């Protein structure tokens, strides 16, 4: 009868914190995109400019969220002194 040895290694809790934080940023990206898209749609109806505000606010939300995600990810990946 053979004995199977299992290697046990523990994953640092920082890894899970980072994964949860980045997934929260993904959720924030979706919510912010829809919110800005809706606000742009309301402005377009109010001012009579069909897709201009809707698309520009949508792109603003996406660009802003990606900038924030990049800053958080680069802060996480930078070596700690």
Protein backbone atom coordinates (compact mmCIF):
# COMPACT_ATOMS: atom_id res chain seq x y z
CA UNK A 1 0.00 0.00 0.00
CA UNK A 2 1.46 3.35 -1.00
CA UNK A 3 1.33 6.46 1.06
CA UNK A 4 0.44 9.72 -0.65
CA UNK A 5 2.07 12.77 0.81
CA UNK A 6 0.36 16.10 0.29
CA UNK A 7 2.35 19.25 0.28
CA UNK A 8 0.62 21.86 2.35
CA UNK A 9 1.37 25.47 1.69
CA UNK A 10 -0.59 28.39 2.92
CA UNK A 11 -1.57 31.33 0.77
CA UNK A 12 -0.99 34.69 2.33
CA UNK A 13 -4.10 36.58 3.30
CA UNK A 14 -2.85 39.55 1.28
CA UNK A 15 -3.54 37.60 -1.91
CA UNK A 16 -7.22 37.26 -1.08
CA UNK A 17 -7.44 40.91 -0.05
CA UNK A 18 -5.96 41.98 -3.38
CA UNK A 19 -8.32 39.76 -5.37
CA UNK A 20 -11.35 41.06 -3.48
CA UNK A 21 -10.22 44.67 -3.87
CA UNK A 22 -9.68 44.35 -7.63
CA UNK A 23 -13.02 42.59 -8.09
CA UNK A 24 -14.65 45.43 -6.16
CA UNK A 25 -13.05 47.85 -8.62
CA UNK A 26 -14.56 45.82 -11.46
CA UNK A 27 -17.96 46.14 -9.83
CA UNK A 28 -17.39 49.88 -9.40
CA UNK A 29 -16.50 50.12 -13.10
CA UNK A 30 -19.81 48.57 -14.10
CA UNK A 31 -21.91 50.64 -11.69
CA UNK A 32 -20.15 53.89 -12.61
CA UNK A 33 -20.51 53.19 -16.33
CA UNK A 34 -24.23 52.59 -16.06
CA UNK A 35 -24.74 55.61 -13.79
CA UNK A 36 -22.89 57.98 -16.12
CA UNK A 37 -24.64 56.45 -19.13
CA UNK A 38 -28.03 57.09 -17.49
CA UNK A 39 -27.09 60.65 -16.48
CA UNK A 40 -25.90 61.35 -20.02
CA UNK A 41 -29.16 60.00 -21.39
CA UNK A 42 -31.12 62.31 -19.09
CA UNK A 43 -29.02 65.31 -20.14
CA UNK A 44 -29.48 64.42 -23.80
CA UNK A 45 -33.26 64.27 -23.39
CA UNK A 46 -33.27 67.57 -21.52
CA UNK A 47 -31.03 69.42 -23.99
CA UNK A 48 -32.07 67.62 -27.18
CA UNK A 49 -28.60 66.38 -28.11
CA UNK A 50 -29.17 62.65 -28.71
CA UNK A 51 -25.94 60.71 -28.16
CA UNK A 52 -23.40 63.39 -27.24
CA UNK A 53 -23.61 63.58 -23.45
CA UNK A 54 -24.46 59.92 -23.06
CA UNK A 55 -21.37 58.71 -24.92
CA UNK A 56 -19.03 61.32 -23.49
CA UNK A 57 -20.02 60.65 -19.87
CA UNK A 58 -19.83 56.90 -20.49
CA UNK A 59 -16.28 57.22 -21.84
CA UNK A 60 -15.36 59.54 -18.97
CA UNK A 61 -16.53 56.94 -16.46
CA UNK A 62 -14.60 54.13 -18.13
CA UNK A 63 -11.39 56.14 -18.46
CA UNK A 64 -11.62 57.38 -14.88
CA UNK A 65 -12.17 53.90 -13.47
CA UNK A 66 -9.30 52.44 -15.47
CA UNK A 67 -6.99 55.18 -14.21
CA UNK A 68 -7.98 54.39 -10.63
CA UNK A 69 -7.60 50.64 -11.16
CA UNK A 70 -4.14 51.20 -12.66
CA UNK A 71 -3.07 53.38 -9.71
CA UNK A 72 -4.29 50.82 -7.16
CA UNK A 73 -2.66 47.93 -9.03
CA UNK A 74 0.66 49.75 -9.38
CA UNK A 75 0.57 50.63 -5.67
CA UNK A 76 -0.03 46.96 -4.83
CA UNK A 77 2.71 45.72 -7.14
CA UNK A 78 5.33 48.24 -6.04
CA UNK A 79 7.92 46.91 -3.61
CA UNK A 80 7.29 47.86 -0.04
CA UNK A 81 10.17 49.55 1.69
